[in-house]
Amino acid sequence: MKKLLLRLILFYRKYLSPLKSTKCPYFPSCSQYGLEAVERFGFIKGGFLMIWRILRCNPFSKGGYDPVPTKKEIKTFYKF
């Protein structure tokens, strides 16, 4: 499942992203964030982080620097 998700993200980056007229307001881009999150945390946690990021990426968002959290930061997040 992890490999499939990574391939879907790469497909999006290569073929669909260039067709968009707008750029991602975040750094790293949402697709790069997704790749890093899935590589670091796997299909479920990484997929959740990627979806959460995509939901935050909208025209009303300021964007900016938003790296994939570390494993320590994730443990703090899941405590709640």
Protein backbone atom coordinates (compact mmCIF):
# COMPACT_ATOMS: atom_id res chain seq x y z
CA MET A 1 0.00 0.00 0.00
CA LYS A 2 2.84 2.37 0.85
CA LYS A 3 4.45 1.90 -2.58
CA LEU A 4 1.13 2.44 -4.32
CA LEU A 5 0.53 5.70 -2.47
CA LEU A 6 4.05 6.91 -3.26
CA ARG A 7 3.54 6.11 -6.94
CA LEU A 8 0.23 7.98 -6.97
CA ILE A 9 1.93 11.05 -5.50
CA LEU A 10 4.73 10.82 -8.08
CA PHE A 11 2.15 10.46 -10.87
CA TYR A 12 0.39 13.57 -9.60
CA ARG A 13 3.66 15.53 -9.48
CA LYS A 14 4.70 14.52 -12.99
CA TYR A 15 1.42 14.68 -14.91
CA LEU A 16 -1.27 16.58 -13.01
CA SER A 17 0.55 19.25 -11.03
CA PRO A 18 1.99 20.98 -14.13
CA LEU A 19 -1.57 21.46 -15.41
CA LYS A 20 -2.53 23.57 -12.38
CA SER A 21 -2.27 27.32 -12.72
CA THR A 22 -1.48 27.91 -9.03
CA LYS A 23 1.46 26.87 -6.89
CA CYS A 24 1.27 25.38 -3.44
CA PRO A 25 1.61 28.15 -0.83
CA TYR A 26 3.54 25.86 1.50
CA PHE A 27 7.17 24.81 1.57
CA PRO A 28 7.76 21.96 1.01
CA SER A 29 4.95 21.61 -1.51
CA CYS A 30 2.03 19.40 -0.55
CA SER A 31 3.20 16.59 -2.84
CA GLN A 32 6.73 16.71 -1.41
CA TYR A 33 5.24 16.78 2.09
CA GLY A 34 3.16 13.71 1.21
CA LEU A 35 6.19 11.83 -0.10
CA GLU A 36 8.21 12.61 3.02
CA ALA A 37 5.33 11.80 5.40
CA VAL A 38 4.58 8.43 3.79
CA GLU A 39 8.28 7.51 3.61
CA ARG A 40 8.83 8.44 7.27
CA PHE A 41 5.61 7.18 8.87
CA GLY A 42 4.16 4.63 6.46
CA PHE A 43 0.82 4.34 4.73
CA ILE A 44 -1.58 5.06 7.61
CA LYS A 45 0.13 7.80 9.65
CA GLY A 46 1.84 9.31 6.62
CA GLY A 47 -1.41 9.22 4.66
CA PHE A 48 -3.23 10.91 7.55
CA LEU A 49 -0.58 13.65 7.70
CA MET A 50 -0.76 14.14 3.94
CA ILE A 51 -4.58 14.44 3.98
CA TRP A 52 -4.42 16.87 6.93
CA ARG A 53 -1.94 19.01 4.99
CA ILE A 54 -4.07 19.00 1.83
CA LEU A 55 -7.09 20.10 3.88
CA ARG A 56 -5.07 23.02 5.25
CA CYS A 57 -3.90 24.05 1.77
CA ASN A 58 -6.58 26.41 0.52
CA PRO A 59 -6.89 29.94 -0.89
CA PHE A 60 -7.36 31.39 2.60
CA SER A 61 -4.15 29.83 3.96
CA LYS A 62 -1.05 31.97 4.34
CA GLY A 63 1.16 28.96 3.66
CA GLY A 64 4.82 29.21 4.54
CA TYR A 65 7.31 26.76 5.98
CA ASP A 66 5.57 23.60 7.23
CA PRO A 67 7.87 20.57 7.39
CA VAL A 68 6.81 17.00 8.10
CA PRO A 69 6.84 16.59 11.89
CA THR A 70 9.43 14.44 13.61
CA LYS A 71 8.46 11.19 15.32
CA LYS A 72 8.73 12.95 18.68
CA GLU A 73 6.32 15.67 17.55
CA ILE A 74 3.90 13.01 16.30
CA LYS A 75 3.90 11.28 19.71
CA THR A 76 3.01 14.61 21.33
CA PHE A 77 0.23 15.15 18.77
CA TYR A 78 -1.32 11.71 19.35
CA LYS A 79 -1.40 12.14 23.16
CA PHE A 80 -4.53 14.28 22.93
